[in-house]
Structures are given as C-alpha cells and as structure tokens.
Amino acid sequence: MYITLESTNEVVNVMLGVIMITRLNVMYRSRKVLVFIVVVFLAIRIANAVMAVISMIHISVEEVVLSGTYRCNIHYVGDTILLYTITWILSIALEVLFLCLATRNAIEHFRELPRHSERGIIGDCFTVLIKTHVNYFASFLAVSCLYVRFSSPRFSANLSSLETEVYLGFAQTFQFAQLFVLGPRLMLSIREYHAELLTNSETAIAMVSITLQGSVHVPTSTSV
C-alpha cells in the first residue's frame, strides 16, 4: 500500500510537471527555453525516482495486532529519510524555477501590453496563468516544508509515536489536496477563462446585432 501511494504520487507529479512545461512553452514560444526546461525537469525527476527506489528498498514494514486492530509500522533504515528530504528539496528548486520563468515572462508581457490593441484579453489571460501558478506553488511549498520538517529528530527518531503519525497523516492529506485539487486547476482555469471569453464574445456580437437591427428603418413610398 505504501509503495502504491508513493508510485501514484510520483506519476501525478510527473504529469503536473508536463502541464507546467506546456504552459511555459505557450508563454515563451522559444525552443531554447523549452529544451532548457525539459533537460532540467528530466534530470531532477530521474534523480528523484532513483532516490525514491533506493529508499523503498531500505524500508521495512511490520504488521502488528494491537487489541484486535491491525497496524503497519514502517521502519526507515539508513539514510532513507535523508534521501526523501533531498528529493523534496530538488522538487522545490524545480518549482521555484518554473515560477521564476512564468513571472519573468508575465512581467515582460505586461510591459508590452500598451503597444497592443487587445491588451485587455492578453492581460486577463496572463493574470489567470500567474494566479493559478502562484496558488499551486504556495500549496506545493507548504507540503514540501511539511515533509522536509519530518526529517527532524523530533519525528524521525520516534516514527511509531502518535504525534509522528498525526503529523504524517496531516502532511499526506495536504499533499492529496495539492495534487488532486489544485493541480488540475492549472488546466481547468484556462479552460474556464476560454469558455468565459467565448461566452462574452457571443453576447457582445448578439447585442451589436440587435442594436443594428433596431437602427435600420425601412423606407416607405409616398404618393404625391
């Protein structure tokens, strides 16, 4: 069960990373930037995957029965917790890179907006992009800090204590919300904005059509 959860989290993180790369590629439209992002992304994800596999190999799970209740105790052997901490630190570095690239591109576009006649639409689109990106980054940073703090002696030295289990359960719940609630918002927010834009455009066209029809006067013939 533990390995299944970790594997699922890894797959979802890769999918969200691909979404981030796609968003940045749309924003920059530069092959050099795309190659740079993909190389950094693959390097970090491969390193994290290797360390995760090594950590899983050194994890021992013990099943015990207390008062008729089955319970699984997970024991981290060697530098397993340190490896997990490194993976989260690398993931934070990757998300910081994504956020910096998105913010830099958004600032450049906002500076160039007065030169364009459609600055309202472009400005709103980049506002949506940055808003969802910042919200996702804030949630990811909060989850990462929770897991990095888990490596402190207060928790790592007492893995079977009630305090550690409650803390880890809270971190996992927060991570679930970040992956499966805020993560999909990276796509859904753009779809919602596009749908709203189409609706407003159709409404404006309909209003103009009604106005033009009302202003047309049919000439009548008069007899002398």
Protein backbone atom coordinates (compact mmCIF):
# COMPACT_ATOMS: atom_id res chain seq x y z
CA MET A 1 0.00 0.00 0.00
CA TYR A 2 2.80 2.39 0.92
CA ILE A 3 4.69 1.67 -2.31
CA THR A 4 1.47 2.13 -4.32
CA LEU A 5 0.84 5.55 -2.79
CA GLU A 6 4.40 6.69 -3.40
CA SER A 7 4.31 5.46 -7.01
CA THR A 8 0.99 7.23 -7.60
CA ASN A 9 2.36 10.48 -6.19
CA GLU A 10 5.40 10.21 -8.43
CA VAL A 11 3.27 9.65 -11.56
CA VAL A 12 0.97 12.57 -10.72
CA ASN A 13 3.95 14.84 -10.07
CA VAL A 14 5.36 13.95 -13.48
CA MET A 15 2.01 14.74 -15.12
CA LEU A 16 1.80 18.10 -13.35
CA GLY A 17 5.37 18.83 -14.42
CA VAL A 18 4.43 18.19 -18.04
CA ILE A 19 1.49 20.59 -17.64
CA MET A 20 3.85 23.24 -16.25
CA ILE A 21 6.25 22.76 -19.16
CA THR A 22 3.38 23.07 -21.64
CA ARG A 23 2.20 26.32 -20.02
CA LEU A 24 5.71 27.77 -20.08
CA ASN A 25 6.19 26.71 -23.68
CA VAL A 26 2.99 28.53 -24.65
CA MET A 27 4.15 31.62 -22.77
CA TYR A 28 7.68 31.74 -24.19
CA ARG A 29 7.35 30.02 -27.60
CA SER A 30 11.11 29.53 -27.60
CA ARG A 31 12.85 26.25 -28.46
CA LYS A 32 15.87 27.13 -26.32
CA VAL A 33 13.72 27.75 -23.26
CA LEU A 34 11.77 24.56 -23.90
CA VAL A 35 14.94 22.46 -24.21
CA PHE A 36 16.36 24.01 -21.05
CA ILE A 37 13.19 23.32 -19.05
CA VAL A 38 12.87 19.74 -20.32
CA VAL A 39 16.51 18.93 -19.54
CA VAL A 40 16.28 20.32 -16.00
CA PHE A 41 12.93 18.60 -15.44
CA LEU A 42 14.18 15.19 -16.62
CA ALA A 43 17.39 15.47 -14.60
CA ILE A 44 15.53 16.22 -11.37
CA ARG A 45 12.73 13.71 -11.93
CA ILE A 46 15.19 10.90 -12.78
CA ALA A 47 17.32 11.72 -9.72
CA ASN A 48 14.21 11.75 -7.52
CA ALA A 49 12.99 8.46 -8.98
CA VAL A 50 16.34 6.77 -8.33
CA MET A 51 16.46 8.03 -4.73
CA ALA A 52 12.83 7.01 -4.20
CA VAL A 53 13.56 3.47 -5.40
CA ILE A 54 16.61 3.24 -3.14
CA SER A 55 14.53 4.47 -0.21
CA MET A 56 11.74 1.96 -0.87
CA ILE A 57 14.28 -0.88 -0.94
CA HIS A 58 15.50 0.08 2.53
CA ILE A 59 12.03 0.43 4.04
CA SER A 60 10.75 -2.38 6.21
CA VAL A 61 7.06 -2.76 7.00
CA GLU A 62 5.98 -4.65 10.11
CA GLU A 63 2.38 -5.73 10.64
CA VAL A 64 1.27 -5.97 14.26
CA VAL A 65 -2.03 -6.60 16.00
CA LEU A 66 -2.94 -4.38 18.94
CA SER A 67 -6.22 -5.05 20.73
CA GLY A 68 -7.61 -6.81 17.69
CA THR A 69 -6.61 -3.98 15.33
CA TYR A 70 -4.13 -4.50 12.50
CA ARG A 71 -1.44 -1.88 12.27
CA CYS A 72 1.52 -1.40 9.95
CA ASN A 73 4.73 0.04 11.35
CA ILE A 74 7.12 1.49 8.78
CA HIS A 75 10.82 1.49 9.65
CA TYR A 76 13.24 3.71 7.73
CA VAL A 77 16.69 2.11 7.55
CA GLY A 78 19.93 4.00 6.98
CA ASP A 79 19.72 7.32 5.13
CA THR A 80 16.20 6.75 3.83
CA ILE A 81 14.75 9.88 5.43
CA LEU A 82 17.70 11.94 4.18
CA LEU A 83 17.09 10.72 0.63
CA TYR A 84 13.42 11.68 0.86
CA THR A 85 14.41 15.11 2.12
CA ILE A 86 16.77 15.59 -0.83
CA THR A 87 14.01 14.66 -3.28
CA TRP A 88 11.72 17.30 -1.81
CA ILE A 89 14.47 19.93 -1.88
CA LEU A 90 15.14 19.19 -5.56
CA SER A 91 11.41 19.38 -6.28
CA ILE A 92 11.22 22.76 -4.55
CA ALA A 93 14.13 24.01 -6.68
CA LEU A 94 12.31 22.85 -9.84
CA GLU A 95 9.06 24.58 -8.85
CA VAL A 96 10.96 27.77 -8.00
CA LEU A 97 12.48 27.68 -11.48
CA PHE A 98 9.04 27.25 -13.06
CA LEU A 99 7.63 30.14 -11.01
CA CYS A 100 10.55 32.46 -11.84
CA LEU A 101 10.25 31.74 -15.57
CA ALA A 102 6.48 32.31 -15.53
CA THR A 103 6.78 35.53 -13.53
CA ARG A 104 9.56 36.88 -15.77
CA ASN A 105 7.54 36.22 -18.91
CA ALA A 106 4.40 37.72 -17.42
CA ILE A 107 6.24 40.91 -16.42
CA GLU A 108 7.63 41.29 -19.93
CA HIS A 109 4.18 40.87 -21.46
CA PHE A 110 2.59 43.36 -19.07
CA ARG A 111 5.24 45.90 -20.04
CA GLU A 112 4.45 45.40 -23.72
CA LEU A 113 0.66 45.48 -23.31
CA PRO A 114 0.18 49.21 -24.13
CA ARG A 115 1.58 48.51 -27.60
CA HIS A 116 -1.23 46.08 -28.40
CA SER A 117 -4.84 46.91 -29.11
CA GLU A 118 -6.03 43.66 -27.46
CA ARG A 119 -4.23 44.28 -24.19
CA GLY A 120 -7.35 43.59 -22.13
CA ILE A 121 -7.68 39.98 -23.32
CA ILE A 122 -3.92 39.30 -23.16
CA GLY A 123 -3.62 40.89 -19.74
CA ASP A 124 -6.51 38.86 -18.32
CA CYS A 125 -5.07 35.63 -19.75
CA PHE A 126 -1.67 36.18 -18.15
CA THR A 127 -3.35 37.19 -14.90
CA VAL A 128 -5.12 33.82 -14.84
CA LEU A 129 -1.87 31.99 -15.63
CA ILE A 130 0.11 33.69 -12.89
CA LYS A 131 -2.69 33.47 -10.31
CA THR A 132 -3.11 29.70 -10.72
CA HIS A 133 0.66 29.20 -10.84
CA VAL A 134 1.21 31.13 -7.59
CA ASN A 135 -1.62 29.27 -5.84
CA TYR A 136 -0.21 25.92 -6.90
CA PHE A 137 3.34 26.91 -5.91
CA ALA A 138 2.17 28.08 -2.47
CA SER A 139 0.42 24.76 -1.84
CA PHE A 140 3.41 22.78 -3.11
CA LEU A 141 5.80 24.77 -0.91
CA ALA A 142 3.62 24.16 2.14
CA VAL A 143 3.54 20.40 1.50
CA SER A 144 7.29 20.32 0.84
CA CYS A 145 8.05 22.14 4.09
CA LEU A 146 5.91 19.64 6.00
CA TYR A 147 7.83 16.70 4.57
CA VAL A 148 11.24 18.36 5.00
CA ARG A 149 10.40 19.06 8.64
CA PHE A 150 9.53 15.37 9.01
CA SER A 151 13.25 14.63 8.76
CA SER A 152 13.92 16.47 12.03
CA PRO A 153 14.93 14.33 15.03
CA ARG A 154 11.63 15.16 16.72
CA PHE A 155 9.76 12.95 14.24
CA SER A 156 12.39 10.72 12.62
CA ALA A 157 13.55 9.40 16.00
CA ASN A 158 10.01 8.44 17.04
CA LEU A 159 8.34 7.06 13.93
CA SER A 160 5.83 4.97 15.89
CA SER A 161 4.69 7.76 18.20
CA LEU A 162 1.16 9.18 17.96
CA GLU A 163 2.49 12.67 17.29
CA THR A 164 4.52 11.46 14.29
CA GLU A 165 1.58 9.53 12.85
CA VAL A 166 -0.76 12.51 13.19
CA TYR A 167 1.80 14.83 11.62
CA LEU A 168 2.44 12.46 8.72
CA GLY A 169 -1.29 11.96 8.19
CA PHE A 170 -1.81 15.73 8.06
CA ALA A 171 1.03 16.09 5.54
CA GLN A 172 -0.39 13.32 3.35
CA THR A 173 -3.86 14.90 3.42
CA PHE A 174 -2.43 18.26 2.42
CA GLN A 175 -0.42 16.59 -0.34
CA PHE A 176 -3.54 14.85 -1.66
CA ALA A 177 -5.35 18.21 -1.90
CA GLN A 178 -2.35 19.78 -3.64
CA LEU A 179 -2.03 17.01 -6.22
CA PHE A 180 -5.68 16.25 -7.00
CA VAL A 181 -7.42 19.58 -6.30
CA LEU A 182 -5.05 22.47 -7.01
CA GLY A 183 -3.04 20.54 -9.61
CA PRO A 184 -5.93 20.11 -12.08
CA ARG A 185 -6.77 23.79 -11.63
CA LEU A 186 -3.70 24.54 -13.74
CA MET A 187 -5.66 23.26 -16.74
CA LEU A 188 -9.24 23.94 -15.70
CA SER A 189 -8.62 27.63 -15.01
CA ILE A 190 -7.50 28.21 -18.61
CA ARG A 191 -10.44 26.23 -19.98
CA GLU A 192 -12.85 28.23 -17.83
CA TYR A 193 -11.30 31.50 -18.95
CA HIS A 194 -11.51 30.47 -22.59
CA ALA A 195 -15.17 29.42 -22.18
CA GLU A 196 -15.99 32.71 -20.44
CA LEU A 197 -14.21 34.64 -23.20
CA LEU A 198 -16.25 32.86 -25.89
CA THR A 199 -19.49 33.48 -23.98
CA ASN A 200 -18.73 37.19 -23.61
CA SER A 201 -17.82 37.44 -27.30
CA GLU A 202 -21.05 35.79 -28.39
CA THR A 203 -23.05 38.03 -26.07
CA ALA A 204 -21.35 41.15 -27.43
CA ILE A 205 -21.98 40.07 -31.03
CA ALA A 206 -25.64 39.37 -30.27
CA MET A 207 -26.07 42.81 -28.64
CA VAL A 208 -24.46 44.55 -31.61
CA SER A 209 -26.68 42.62 -34.00
CA ILE A 210 -29.82 43.60 -32.08
CA THR A 211 -28.72 47.23 -31.99
CA LEU A 212 -28.09 47.28 -35.74
CA GLN A 213 -31.42 45.68 -36.47
CA GLY A 214 -33.21 48.23 -34.31
CA SER A 215 -31.50 51.15 -36.03
CA VAL A 216 -32.49 50.03 -39.55
CA HIS A 217 -35.55 51.92 -40.89
CA VAL A 218 -37.47 50.52 -43.80
CA PRO A 219 -38.20 53.38 -46.26
CA THR A 220 -41.86 53.75 -47.26
CA SER A 221 -43.07 55.10 -50.59
CA THR A 222 -45.25 58.24 -50.52
CA SER A 223 -47.66 59.23 -53.21
CA VAL A 224 -47.91 62.83 -54.31
